Amino acid sequence: VVAAATILVGLASDDVALSPQRESAIREELLAISYAVFCLKKKDYAKWATGQIDEEGPVTDKLGPFLATRLSEHEKHGFVDMARAVVAAEGPPLIAASHRLRRLTQKIGLEVH
């Protein structure tokens, strides 16, 4: 869940500040797969971790393959849906969102090129 949270925060704050709406969307998505008590800690860690790098790409490059080996096909599709919901939440424009979502899809093993 921490890896998923970190990717979601990275996607939602790629070159922009994390909007309250996107942060709320991340919290809601994580609550669907995690206990409420741990959800905020995981989101806070994810915010810290993504704050340590300049762009989202390396986050997906490192954590995508990790998730690819641990998620079922159904869970992978669910995770991509979660990422789309977070990116679609209100906030500053995410110029590279479609590229980042495609890269995520590839890194977790759903699309091969």
Protein backbone atom coordinates (compact mmCIF):
# COMPACT_ATOMS: atom_id res chain seq x y z
CA VAL A 1 0.00 0.00 0.00
CA VAL A 2 2.92 2.35 0.67
CA ALA A 3 4.25 1.81 -2.86
CA ALA A 4 0.79 2.47 -4.31
CA ALA A 5 0.38 5.59 -2.18
CA THR A 6 3.78 6.88 -3.25
CA ILE A 7 2.97 6.43 -6.94
CA LEU A 8 -0.43 8.12 -6.50
CA VAL A 9 1.10 11.12 -4.72
CA GLY A 10 3.79 11.33 -7.39
CA LEU A 11 1.22 11.33 -10.18
CA ALA A 12 -0.98 13.90 -8.43
CA SER A 13 1.87 16.29 -7.73
CA ASP A 14 4.04 15.94 -10.83
CA ASP A 15 5.51 19.44 -11.29
CA VAL A 16 2.61 21.02 -9.33
CA ALA A 17 1.55 21.35 -5.72
CA LEU A 18 -0.66 18.55 -4.40
CA SER A 19 -4.15 20.05 -4.37
CA PRO A 20 -6.46 19.39 -1.41
CA GLN A 21 -8.89 17.70 -3.81
CA ARG A 22 -6.25 15.31 -5.13
CA GLU A 23 -5.00 14.62 -1.63
CA SER A 24 -8.57 13.80 -0.64
CA ALA A 25 -8.93 11.54 -3.69
CA ILE A 26 -5.75 9.69 -2.68
CA ARG A 27 -7.08 9.25 0.85
CA GLU A 28 -10.38 7.88 -0.46
CA GLU A 29 -8.65 5.47 -2.83
CA LEU A 30 -6.34 4.22 -0.08
CA LEU A 31 -9.23 3.78 2.34
CA ALA A 32 -10.75 1.34 -0.15
CA ILE A 33 -7.70 -0.94 0.14
CA SER A 34 -6.29 -0.22 3.61
CA TYR A 35 -7.32 0.25 7.21
CA ALA A 36 -8.17 3.84 8.09
CA VAL A 37 -5.60 3.98 10.89
CA PHE A 38 -2.74 3.20 8.52
CA CYS A 39 -4.07 5.17 5.56
CA LEU A 40 -2.98 8.61 6.79
CA LYS A 41 0.47 7.37 7.79
CA LYS A 42 1.00 5.80 4.37
CA LYS A 43 -0.20 8.94 2.59
CA ASP A 44 2.05 11.13 4.76
CA TYR A 45 5.05 8.90 4.06
CA ALA A 46 4.24 8.99 0.35
CA LYS A 47 4.12 12.80 0.42
CA TRP A 48 7.51 12.89 2.13
CA ALA A 49 9.04 10.34 -0.25
CA THR A 50 7.87 12.08 -3.42
CA GLY A 51 9.02 15.41 -2.00
CA GLN A 52 12.58 14.08 -2.05
CA ILE A 53 12.74 13.92 -5.86
CA ASP A 54 12.19 16.44 -8.65
CA GLU A 55 9.83 14.45 -10.87
CA GLU A 56 7.44 11.53 -10.79
CA GLY A 57 9.12 9.33 -13.42
CA PRO A 58 11.68 7.66 -11.13
CA VAL A 59 8.92 6.82 -8.62
CA THR A 60 6.99 4.81 -11.20
CA ASP A 61 10.19 3.35 -12.65
CA LYS A 62 11.24 1.97 -9.26
CA LEU A 63 7.92 1.04 -7.68
CA GLY A 64 5.99 -0.08 -10.77
CA PRO A 65 7.96 -3.32 -11.23
CA PHE A 66 7.64 -3.98 -7.49
CA LEU A 67 3.84 -3.76 -7.76
CA ALA A 68 3.86 -5.79 -10.99
CA THR A 69 5.16 -8.81 -9.10
CA ARG A 70 2.72 -8.44 -6.20
CA LEU A 71 -0.61 -7.52 -7.79
CA SER A 72 -2.99 -9.80 -9.63
CA GLU A 73 -4.21 -8.79 -13.08
CA HIS A 74 -7.47 -7.57 -11.51
CA GLU A 75 -5.60 -5.56 -8.86
CA LYS A 76 -3.38 -3.98 -11.53
CA HIS A 77 -6.43 -2.77 -13.44
CA GLY A 78 -7.91 -1.50 -10.18
CA PHE A 79 -4.73 0.39 -9.40
CA VAL A 80 -4.71 2.08 -12.80
CA ASP A 81 -8.35 3.07 -12.19
CA MET A 82 -7.30 4.51 -8.81
CA ALA A 83 -4.53 6.50 -10.48
CA ARG A 84 -6.95 7.85 -13.11
CA ALA A 85 -9.38 8.94 -10.39
CA VAL A 86 -6.64 10.77 -8.49
CA VAL A 87 -5.33 12.52 -11.61
CA ALA A 88 -8.89 13.53 -12.58
CA ALA A 89 -9.53 15.20 -9.22
CA GLU A 90 -9.58 18.98 -9.22
CA GLY A 91 -6.24 20.72 -9.03
CA PRO A 92 -3.56 22.39 -11.13
CA PRO A 93 -3.25 21.01 -14.66
CA LEU A 94 -1.11 17.88 -14.92
CA ILE A 95 0.43 18.39 -18.34
CA ALA A 96 2.08 14.96 -18.54
CA ALA A 97 -0.76 12.99 -16.91
CA SER A 98 -1.63 10.82 -19.91
CA HIS A 99 2.04 9.99 -20.48
CA ARG A 100 2.54 9.19 -16.77
CA LEU A 101 -0.55 6.94 -16.68
CA ARG A 102 0.65 5.07 -19.77
CA ARG A 103 4.09 4.62 -18.20
CA LEU A 104 2.47 3.32 -15.00
CA THR A 105 0.40 0.87 -17.04
CA GLN A 106 3.57 -0.39 -18.71
CA LYS A 107 5.61 -0.61 -15.51
CA ILE A 108 3.03 -2.70 -13.68
CA GLY A 109 2.89 -5.11 -16.59
CA LEU A 110 -0.42 -4.32 -18.29
CA GLU A 111 0.98 -2.90 -21.51
CA VAL A 112 4.14 -4.05 -23.21
CA HIS A 113 5.97 -2.18 -25.97
